[in-house]
Amino acid sequence: MENNKTPDPSHKSEEELNQKTQDPTGFTESYWNDKRAKLKKKYPDLMDEDLQYQEGNDAELMKRLQKKLGKTEVEIRNLIDML
């Protein structure tokens, strides 16, 4: 029996997310400003300190969000991409 299920284009594989993680440029300022506002709206408990980001250094941001939201880095990156 053939599997005709079309992959969900909105779901990124762990490999795709890891490639983005290895991107030395990280998020752009305008991209992050948009996503930060949407995250604050979705998760009102997030403080400005939780969402601070220095361009090119998303590792610290991911650690803070993992701790605050109780999600894995892959889950957080998927969440940010979907906002």
Protein backbone atom coordinates (compact mmCIF):
# COMPACT_ATOMS: atom_id res chain seq x y z
CA MET A 1 0.00 0.00 0.00
CA GLU A 2 1.40 3.35 -1.04
CA ASN A 3 1.57 6.27 1.39
CA ASN A 4 0.06 9.27 -0.42
CA LYS A 5 0.26 11.57 2.58
CA THR A 6 1.65 14.96 1.58
CA PRO A 7 4.23 16.30 4.05
CA ASP A 8 3.18 19.35 6.01
CA PRO A 9 5.27 22.23 4.60
CA SER A 10 4.91 24.18 7.84
CA HIS A 11 6.70 21.48 9.86
CA LYS A 12 10.46 21.65 9.67
CA SER A 13 12.58 18.60 10.26
CA GLU A 14 15.14 18.60 13.03
CA GLU A 15 17.86 18.60 10.35
CA GLU A 16 16.43 21.78 8.75
CA LEU A 17 16.25 23.45 12.15
CA ASN A 18 19.78 22.42 13.02
CA GLN A 19 20.99 23.98 9.76
CA LYS A 20 19.34 27.24 10.78
CA THR A 21 20.93 26.96 14.22
CA GLN A 22 24.35 26.68 12.59
CA ASP A 23 23.73 29.81 10.50
CA PRO A 24 26.21 32.31 11.98
CA THR A 25 24.00 35.28 11.12
CA GLY A 26 21.04 34.08 13.21
CA PHE A 27 17.93 36.27 13.06
CA THR A 28 17.91 39.71 11.47
CA GLU A 29 16.85 42.62 13.68
CA SER A 30 13.62 43.30 11.77
CA TYR A 31 12.70 39.59 11.72
CA TRP A 32 13.27 39.28 15.46
CA ASN A 33 11.37 42.49 16.31
CA ASP A 34 8.30 41.08 14.55
CA LYS A 35 8.61 37.65 16.17
CA ARG A 36 9.32 39.10 19.62
CA ALA A 37 6.08 41.10 19.56
CA LYS A 38 4.11 38.01 18.54
CA LEU A 39 5.76 35.89 21.24
CA LYS A 40 4.90 38.48 23.91
CA LYS A 41 1.29 38.46 22.75
CA LYS A 42 1.09 34.65 22.77
CA TYR A 43 3.03 34.25 26.05
CA PRO A 44 2.29 37.30 28.25
CA ASP A 45 4.55 35.91 31.01
CA LEU A 46 7.61 36.52 28.82
CA MET A 47 9.53 39.60 29.95
CA ASP A 48 11.66 41.91 27.83
CA GLU A 49 14.75 40.32 29.41
CA ASP A 50 13.61 36.89 28.21
CA LEU A 51 13.38 38.17 24.64
CA GLN A 52 16.64 40.14 24.42
CA TYR A 53 18.59 39.20 21.33
CA GLN A 54 22.01 40.15 20.04
CA GLU A 55 22.22 39.67 16.29
CA GLY A 56 24.22 36.58 15.39
CA ASN A 57 23.96 35.06 18.88
CA ASP A 58 20.69 33.20 19.15
CA ALA A 59 22.02 30.47 21.46
CA GLU A 60 21.49 32.54 24.62
CA LEU A 61 18.00 33.53 23.50
CA MET A 62 17.11 29.88 22.86
CA LYS A 63 18.38 28.88 26.32
CA ARG A 64 16.25 31.55 28.01
CA LEU A 65 13.14 30.61 26.04
CA GLN A 66 13.69 26.90 26.69
CA LYS A 67 13.85 27.54 30.41
CA LYS A 68 10.91 29.94 30.50
CA LEU A 69 8.57 27.99 28.19
CA GLY A 70 9.66 24.44 29.06
CA LYS A 71 10.13 23.53 25.39
CA THR A 72 13.01 22.13 23.37
CA GLU A 73 15.01 24.33 21.01
CA VAL A 74 13.40 22.58 18.03
CA GLU A 75 9.93 23.30 19.43
CA ILE A 76 10.83 26.95 20.03
CA ARG A 77 12.26 27.39 16.53
CA ASN A 78 9.14 25.80 15.04
CA LEU A 79 6.99 28.10 17.16
CA ILE A 80 8.93 31.20 16.08
CA ASP A 81 8.77 30.17 12.42
CA MET A 82 4.99 29.67 12.66
CA LEU A 83 4.28 33.09 14.20
